[in-house]
PDB file of all heavy atoms in Angstrom:
ATOM      1  N   GLU A   1     -11.798 -19.997  -1.163  1.00  0.00           N
ATOM      2  CA  GLU A   1     -12.541 -19.613  -2.364  1.00  0.00           C
ATOM      3  C   GLU A   1     -13.733 -18.738  -1.974  1.00  0.00           C
ATOM      4  O   GLU A   1     -14.495 -19.070  -1.063  1.00  0.00           O
ATOM      5  CB  GLU A   1     -13.034 -20.862  -3.096  1.00  0.00           C
ATOM      6  CG  GLU A   1     -13.736 -20.528  -4.412  1.00  0.00           C
ATOM      7  CD  GLU A   1     -14.152 -21.783  -5.165  1.00  0.00           C
ATOM      8  OE1 GLU A   1     -13.754 -22.892  -4.739  1.00  0.00           O
ATOM      9  OE2 GLU A   1     -14.888 -21.642  -6.151  1.00  0.00           O
ATOM     10  N   ILE A   2     -13.857 -17.609  -2.691  1.00  0.00           N
ATOM     11  CA  ILE A   2     -14.928 -16.669  -2.390  1.00  0.00           C
ATOM     12  C   ILE A   2     -16.221 -17.154  -3.039  1.00  0.00           C
ATOM     13  O   ILE A   2     -16.251 -17.512  -4.219  1.00  0.00           O
ATOM     14  CB  ILE A   2     -14.585 -15.253  -2.896  1.00  0.00           C
ATOM     15  CG1 ILE A   2     -13.238 -14.802  -2.334  1.00  0.00           C
ATOM     16  CG2 ILE A   2     -15.670 -14.256  -2.504  1.00  0.00           C
ATOM     17  CD1 ILE A   2     -13.173 -14.717  -0.838  1.00  0.00           C
ATOM     18  N   SER A   3     -17.302 -17.150  -2.282  1.00  0.00           N
ATOM     19  CA  SER A   3     -18.594 -17.622  -2.792  1.00  0.00           C
ATOM     20  C   SER A   3     -19.195 -16.630  -3.783  1.00  0.00           C
ATOM     21  O   SER A   3     -18.813 -15.454  -3.834  1.00  0.00           O
ATOM     22  CB  SER A   3     -19.578 -17.820  -1.625  1.00  0.00           C
ATOM     23  OG  SER A   3     -19.862 -16.564  -1.009  1.00  0.00           O
ATOM     24  N   THR A   4     -20.140 -17.133  -4.582  1.00  0.00           N
ATOM     25  CA  THR A   4     -20.822 -16.283  -5.573  1.00  0.00           C
ATOM     26  C   THR A   4     -21.521 -15.112  -4.906  1.00  0.00           C
ATOM     27  O   THR A   4     -21.433 -13.974  -5.363  1.00  0.00           O
ATOM     28  CB  THR A   4     -21.857 -17.121  -6.357  1.00  0.00           C
ATOM     29  OG1 THR A   4     -21.188 -18.148  -7.075  1.00  0.00           O
ATOM     30  CG2 THR A   4     -22.629 -16.228  -7.335  1.00  0.00           C
ATOM     31  N   GLU A   5     -22.219 -15.386  -3.799  1.00  0.00           N
ATOM     32  CA  GLU A   5     -22.962 -14.309  -3.146  1.00  0.00           C
ATOM     33  C   GLU A   5     -22.039 -13.224  -2.593  1.00  0.00           C
ATOM     34  O   GLU A   5     -22.365 -12.036  -2.606  1.00  0.00           O
ATOM     35  CB  GLU A   5     -23.877 -14.845  -2.045  1.00  0.00           C
ATOM     36  CG  GLU A   5     -23.190 -15.594  -0.907  1.00  0.00           C
ATOM     37  CD  GLU A   5     -23.089 -17.093  -1.152  1.00  0.00           C
ATOM     38  OE1 GLU A   5     -23.091 -17.507  -2.334  1.00  0.00           O
ATOM     39  OE2 GLU A   5     -23.018 -17.836  -0.149  1.00  0.00           O
ATOM     40  N   ALA A   6     -20.852 -13.626  -2.108  1.00  0.00           N
ATOM     41  CA  ALA A   6     -19.898 -12.640  -1.602  1.00  0.00           C
ATOM     42  C   ALA A   6     -19.363 -11.770  -2.737  1.00  0.00           C
ATOM     43  O   ALA A   6     -19.227 -10.554  -2.593  1.00  0.00           O
ATOM     44  CB  ALA A   6     -18.747 -13.340  -0.882  1.00  0.00           C
ATOM     45  N   LYS A   7     -19.067 -12.400  -3.873  1.00  0.00           N
ATOM     46  CA  LYS A   7     -18.565 -11.653  -5.034  1.00  0.00           C
ATOM     47  C   LYS A   7     -19.619 -10.669  -5.541  1.00  0.00           C
ATOM     48  O   LYS A   7     -19.306  -9.506  -5.859  1.00  0.00           O
ATOM     49  CB  LYS A   7     -18.173 -12.624  -6.155  1.00  0.00           C
ATOM     50  CG  LYS A   7     -16.958 -13.480  -5.862  1.00  0.00           C
ATOM     51  CD  LYS A   7     -16.698 -14.454  -7.003  1.00  0.00           C
ATOM     52  CE  LYS A   7     -15.511 -15.355  -6.710  1.00  0.00           C
ATOM     53  NZ  LYS A   7     -15.305 -16.365  -7.796  1.00  0.00           N
ATOM     54  N   ARG A   8     -20.850 -11.132  -5.605  1.00  0.00           N
ATOM     55  CA  ARG A   8     -21.910 -10.273  -6.139  1.00  0.00           C
ATOM     56  C   ARG A   8     -22.303  -9.195  -5.134  1.00  0.00           C
ATOM     57  O   ARG A   8     -22.689  -8.089  -5.524  1.00  0.00           O
ATOM     58  CB  ARG A   8     -23.104 -11.126  -6.562  1.00  0.00           C
ATOM     59  CG  ARG A   8     -22.767 -12.005  -7.757  1.00  0.00           C
ATOM     60  CD  ARG A   8     -23.963 -12.637  -8.404  1.00  0.00           C
ATOM     61  NE  ARG A   8     -23.590 -13.248  -9.678  1.00  0.00           N
ATOM     62  CZ  ARG A   8     -24.412 -13.876 -10.496  1.00  0.00           C
ATOM     63  NH1 ARG A   8     -25.702 -13.985 -10.166  1.00  0.00           N
ATOM     64  NH2 ARG A   8     -23.988 -14.385 -11.626  1.00  0.00           N
ATOM     65  N   PHE A   9     -22.199  -9.506  -3.869  1.00  0.00           N
ATOM     66  CA  PHE A   9     -22.425  -8.498  -2.835  1.00  0.00           C
ATOM     67  C   PHE A   9     -21.423  -7.363  -3.002  1.00  0.00           C
ATOM     68  O   PHE A   9     -21.787  -6.180  -2.965  1.00  0.00           O
ATOM     69  CB  PHE A   9     -22.279  -9.148  -1.457  1.00  0.00           C
ATOM     70  CG  PHE A   9     -22.449  -8.204  -0.300  1.00  0.00           C
ATOM     71  CD1 PHE A   9     -23.706  -7.926   0.202  1.00  0.00           C
ATOM     72  CD2 PHE A   9     -21.347  -7.597   0.278  1.00  0.00           C
ATOM     73  CE1 PHE A   9     -23.872  -7.054   1.268  1.00  0.00           C
ATOM     74  CE2 PHE A   9     -21.498  -6.720   1.344  1.00  0.00           C
ATOM     75  CZ  PHE A   9     -22.762  -6.457   1.845  1.00  0.00           C
ATOM     76  N   LYS A  10     -20.174  -7.708  -3.209  1.00  0.00           N
ATOM     77  CA  LYS A  10     -19.127  -6.705  -3.426  1.00  0.00           C
ATOM     78  C   LYS A  10     -19.391  -5.919  -4.705  1.00  0.00           C
ATOM     79  O   LYS A  10     -19.198  -4.695  -4.757  1.00  0.00           O
ATOM     80  CB  LYS A  10     -17.755  -7.377  -3.498  1.00  0.00           C
ATOM     81  CG  LYS A  10     -16.608  -6.405  -3.701  1.00  0.00           C
ATOM     82  CD  LYS A  10     -15.270  -7.127  -3.754  1.00  0.00           C
ATOM     83  CE  LYS A  10     -14.123  -6.153  -3.968  1.00  0.00           C
ATOM     84  NZ  LYS A  10     -12.818  -6.867  -4.038  1.00  0.00           N
ATOM     85  N   GLN A  11     -19.859  -6.606  -5.736  1.00  0.00           N
ATOM     86  CA  GLN A  11     -20.167  -5.949  -7.011  1.00  0.00           C
ATOM     87  C   GLN A  11     -21.248  -4.892  -6.839  1.00  0.00           C
ATOM     88  O   GLN A  11     -21.153  -3.787  -7.384  1.00  0.00           O
ATOM     89  CB  GLN A  11     -20.615  -6.990  -8.042  1.00  0.00           C
ATOM     90  CG  GLN A  11     -20.983  -6.396  -9.404  1.00  0.00           C
ATOM     91  CD  GLN A  11     -21.534  -7.448 -10.340  1.00  0.00           C
ATOM     92  OE1 GLN A  11     -21.200  -8.634 -10.253  1.00  0.00           O
ATOM     93  NE2 GLN A  11     -22.404  -7.020 -11.244  1.00  0.00           N
ATOM     94  N   VAL A  12     -22.286  -5.212  -6.050  1.00  0.00           N
ATOM     95  CA  VAL A  12     -23.367  -4.253  -5.799  1.00  0.00           C
ATOM     96  C   VAL A  12     -22.812  -3.016  -5.103  1.00  0.00           C
ATOM     97  O   VAL A  12     -23.127  -1.872  -5.473  1.00  0.00           O
ATOM     98  CB  VAL A  12     -24.481  -4.892  -4.937  1.00  0.00           C
ATOM     99  CG1 VAL A  12     -25.497  -3.835  -4.520  1.00  0.00           C
ATOM    100  CG2 VAL A  12     -25.167  -6.015  -5.707  1.00  0.00           C
ATOM    101  N   ARG A  13     -21.984  -3.258  -4.099  1.00  0.00           N
ATOM    102  CA  ARG A  13     -21.400  -2.121  -3.360  1.00  0.00           C
ATOM    103  C   ARG A  13     -20.573  -1.228  -4.281  1.00  0.00           C
ATOM    104  O   ARG A  13     -20.714   0.020  -4.260  1.00  0.00           O
ATOM    105  CB  ARG A  13     -20.518  -2.622  -2.204  1.00  0.00           C
ATOM    106  CG  ARG A  13     -19.804  -1.487  -1.469  1.00  0.00           C
ATOM    107  CD  ARG A  13     -18.884  -2.005  -0.385  1.00  0.00           C
ATOM    108  NE  ARG A  13     -17.757  -2.762  -0.884  1.00  0.00           N
ATOM    109  CZ  ARG A  13     -16.654  -2.215  -1.412  1.00  0.00           C
ATOM    110  NH1 ARG A  13     -16.555  -0.913  -1.533  1.00  0.00           N
ATOM    111  NH2 ARG A  13     -15.660  -2.998  -1.816  1.00  0.00           N
ATOM    112  N   GLU A  14     -19.741  -1.826  -5.112  1.00  0.00           N
ATOM    113  CA  GLU A  14     -18.889  -1.046  -6.012  1.00  0.00           C
ATOM    114  C   GLU A  14     -19.708  -0.316  -7.072  1.00  0.00           C
ATOM    115  O   GLU A  14     -19.384   0.826  -7.438  1.00  0.00           O
ATOM    116  CB  GLU A  14     -17.843  -1.960  -6.662  1.00  0.00           C
ATOM    117  CG  GLU A  14     -16.818  -2.490  -5.676  1.00  0.00           C
ATOM    118  CD  GLU A  14     -15.830  -3.462  -6.313  1.00  0.00           C
ATOM    119  OE1 GLU A  14     -16.151  -4.035  -7.383  1.00  0.00           O
ATOM    120  OE2 GLU A  14     -14.744  -3.645  -5.730  1.00  0.00           O
ATOM    121  N   ASP A  15     -20.764  -0.970  -7.563  1.00  0.00           N
ATOM    122  CA  ASP A  15     -21.629  -0.314  -8.551  1.00  0.00           C
ATOM    123  C   ASP A  15     -22.308   0.921  -7.962  1.00  0.00           C
ATOM    124  O   ASP A  15     -22.567   1.898  -8.673  1.00  0.00           O
ATOM    125  CB  ASP A  15     -22.701  -1.284  -9.067  1.00  0.00           C
ATOM    126  CG  ASP A  15     -22.122  -2.355  -9.979  1.00  0.00           C
ATOM    127  OD1 ASP A  15     -20.972  -2.184 -10.419  1.00  0.00           O
ATOM    128  OD2 ASP A  15     -22.814  -3.356 -10.232  1.00  0.00           O
ATOM    129  N   LEU A  16     -22.592   0.874  -6.662  1.00  0.00           N
ATOM    130  CA  LEU A  16     -23.238   1.995  -5.985  1.00  0.00           C
ATOM    131  C   LEU A  16     -22.241   3.068  -5.559  1.00  0.00           C
ATOM    132  O   LEU A  16     -22.634   4.146  -5.119  1.00  0.00           O
ATOM    133  CB  LEU A  16     -24.003   1.503  -4.756  1.00  0.00           C
ATOM    134  CG  LEU A  16     -25.243   0.646  -5.043  1.00  0.00           C
ATOM    135  CD1 LEU A  16     -25.738  -0.006  -3.751  1.00  0.00           C
ATOM    136  CD2 LEU A  16     -26.351   1.485  -5.663  1.00  0.00           C
ATOM    137  N   GLY A  17     -20.941   2.752  -5.680  1.00  0.00           N
ATOM    138  CA  GLY A  17     -19.912   3.720  -5.314  1.00  0.00           C
ATOM    139  C   GLY A  17     -19.774   3.926  -3.812  1.00  0.00           C
ATOM    140  O   GLY A  17     -19.402   5.022  -3.367  1.00  0.00           O
ATOM    141  N   LYS A  18     -20.064   2.888  -3.017  1.00  0.00           N
ATOM    142  CA  LYS A  18     -20.014   3.000  -1.569  1.00  0.00           C
ATOM    143  C   LYS A  18     -18.745   2.348  -1.012  1.00  0.00           C
ATOM    144  O   LYS A  18     -18.250   1.362  -1.559  1.00  0.00           O
ATOM    145  CB  LYS A  18     -21.240   2.334  -0.925  1.00  0.00           C
ATOM    146  CG  LYS A  18     -22.582   2.915  -1.370  1.00  0.00           C
ATOM    147  CD  LYS A  18     -22.727   4.354  -0.927  1.00  0.00           C
ATOM    148  CE  LYS A  18     -24.067   4.909  -1.339  1.00  0.00           C
ATOM    149  NZ  LYS A  18     -24.188   6.360  -0.987  1.00  0.00           N
ATOM    150  N   THR A  19     -18.241   2.908   0.086  1.00  0.00           N
ATOM    151  CA  THR A  19     -17.155   2.253   0.798  1.00  0.00           C
ATOM    152  C   THR A  19     -17.736   1.101   1.612  1.00  0.00           C
ATOM    153  O   THR A  19     -18.956   0.992   1.786  1.00  0.00           O
ATOM    154  CB  THR A  19     -16.444   3.234   1.748  1.00  0.00           C
ATOM    155  OG1 THR A  19     -17.367   3.642   2.777  1.00  0.00           O
ATOM    156  CG2 THR A  19     -15.952   4.470   0.991  1.00  0.00           C
ATOM    157  N   GLN A  20     -16.861   0.255   2.136  1.00  0.00           N
ATOM    158  CA  GLN A  20     -17.339  -0.877   2.930  1.00  0.00           C
ATOM    159  C   GLN A  20     -18.075  -0.417   4.187  1.00  0.00           C
ATOM    160  O   GLN A  20     -19.085  -1.008   4.580  1.00  0.00           O
ATOM    161  CB  GLN A  20     -16.162  -1.782   3.298  1.00  0.00           C
ATOM    162  CG  GLN A  20     -15.586  -2.517   2.094  1.00  0.00           C
ATOM    163  CD  GLN A  20     -14.363  -3.345   2.453  1.00  0.00           C
ATOM    164  OE1 GLN A  20     -13.606  -3.002   3.348  1.00  0.00           O
ATOM    165  NE2 GLN A  20     -14.164  -4.437   1.728  1.00  0.00           N
ATOM    166  N   SER A  21     -17.608   0.654   4.795  1.00  0.00           N
ATOM    167  CA  SER A  21     -18.267   1.154   6.000  1.00  0.00           C
ATOM    168  C   SER A  21     -19.601   1.838   5.664  1.00  0.00           C
ATOM    169  O   SER A  21     -20.584   1.683   6.398  1.00  0.00           O
ATOM    170  CB  SER A  21     -17.348   2.126   6.751  1.00  0.00           C
ATOM    171  OG  SER A  21     -16.976   3.215   5.922  1.00  0.00           O
ATOM    172  N   GLU A  22     -19.645   2.581   4.560  1.00  0.00           N
ATOM    173  CA  GLU A  22     -20.889   3.233   4.140  1.00  0.00           C
ATOM    174  C   GLU A  22     -21.960   2.201   3.801  1.00  0.00           C
ATOM    175  O   GLU A  22     -23.130   2.363   4.163  1.00  0.00           O
ATOM    176  CB  GLU A  22     -20.635   4.134   2.925  1.00  0.00           C
ATOM    177  CG  GLU A  22     -19.837   5.387   3.226  1.00  0.00           C
ATOM    178  CD  GLU A  22     -19.438   6.137   1.963  1.00  0.00           C
ATOM    179  OE1 GLU A  22     -19.436   5.508   0.873  1.00  0.00           O
ATOM    180  OE2 GLU A  22     -19.097   7.323   2.069  1.00  0.00           O
ATOM    181  N   PHE A  23     -21.547   1.143   3.098  1.00  0.00           N
ATOM    182  CA  PHE A  23     -22.501   0.101   2.699  1.00  0.00           C
ATOM    183  C   PHE A  23     -23.020  -0.647   3.922  1.00  0.00           C
ATOM    184  O   PHE A  23     -24.212  -0.962   4.021  1.00  0.00           O
ATOM    185  CB  PHE A  23     -21.822  -0.852   1.723  1.00  0.00           C
ATOM    186  CG  PHE A  23     -22.770  -1.607   0.841  1.00  0.00           C
ATOM    187  CD1 PHE A  23     -23.905  -0.995   0.330  1.00  0.00           C
ATOM    188  CD2 PHE A  23     -22.526  -2.928   0.486  1.00  0.00           C
ATOM    189  CE1 PHE A  23     -24.783  -1.682  -0.505  1.00  0.00           C
ATOM    190  CE2 PHE A  23     -23.389  -3.623  -0.354  1.00  0.00           C
ATOM    191  CZ  PHE A  23     -24.520  -2.997  -0.840  1.00  0.00           C
ATOM    192  N   ALA A  24     -22.134  -0.893   4.869  1.00  0.00           N
ATOM    193  CA  ALA A  24     -22.532  -1.581   6.096  1.00  0.00           C
ATOM    194  C   ALA A  24     -23.555  -0.763   6.876  1.00  0.00           C
ATOM    195  O   ALA A  24     -24.523  -1.303   7.422  1.00  0.00           O
ATOM    196  CB  ALA A  24     -21.297  -1.850   6.959  1.00  0.00           C
ATOM    197  N   GLU A  25     -23.358   0.550   6.909  1.00  0.00           N
ATOM    198  CA  GLU A  25     -24.297   1.418   7.621  1.00  0.00           C
ATOM    199  C   GLU A  25     -25.668   1.404   6.946  1.00  0.00           C
ATOM    200  O   GLU A  25     -26.697   1.357   7.624  1.00  0.00           O
ATOM    201  CB  GLU A  25     -23.753   2.845   7.664  1.00  0.00           C
ATOM    202  CG  GLU A  25     -24.618   3.802   8.461  1.00  0.00           C
ATOM    203  CD  GLU A  25     -24.026   5.193   8.554  1.00  0.00           C
ATOM    204  OE1 GLU A  25     -22.892   5.392   8.067  1.00  0.00           O
ATOM    205  OE2 GLU A  25     -24.705   6.081   9.107  1.00  0.00           O
ATOM    206  N   LEU A  26     -25.685   1.448   5.603  1.00  0.00           N
ATOM    207  CA  LEU A  26     -26.951   1.410   4.876  1.00  0.00           C
ATOM    208  C   LEU A  26     -27.727   0.128   5.157  1.00  0.00           C
ATOM    209  O   LEU A  26     -28.949   0.138   5.284  1.00  0.00           O
ATOM    210  CB  LEU A  26     -26.695   1.529   3.368  1.00  0.00           C
ATOM    211  CG  LEU A  26     -26.434   2.915   2.796  1.00  0.00           C
ATOM    212  CD1 LEU A  26     -26.071   2.804   1.323  1.00  0.00           C
ATOM    213  CD2 LEU A  26     -27.641   3.810   2.971  1.00  0.00           C
ATOM    214  N   LEU A  27     -27.007  -0.978   5.243  1.00  0.00           N
ATOM    215  CA  LEU A  27     -27.635  -2.290   5.399  1.00  0.00           C
ATOM    216  C   LEU A  27     -27.764  -2.712   6.862  1.00  0.00           C
ATOM    217  O   LEU A  27     -28.271  -3.812   7.131  1.00  0.00           O
ATOM    218  CB  LEU A  27     -26.827  -3.347   4.628  1.00  0.00           C
ATOM    219  CG  LEU A  27     -26.674  -3.113   3.126  1.00  0.00           C
ATOM    220  CD1 LEU A  27     -25.738  -4.170   2.519  1.00  0.00           C
ATOM    221  CD2 LEU A  27     -28.018  -3.145   2.427  1.00  0.00           C
TER     222      LEU A  27
END
């Protein structure tokens, strides 16, 4: 089961239009 923070973390990334690698680099 995916945790709330993981789901919302993904939501932030998608709202910003970033790929997983781009978001990782920013953070």
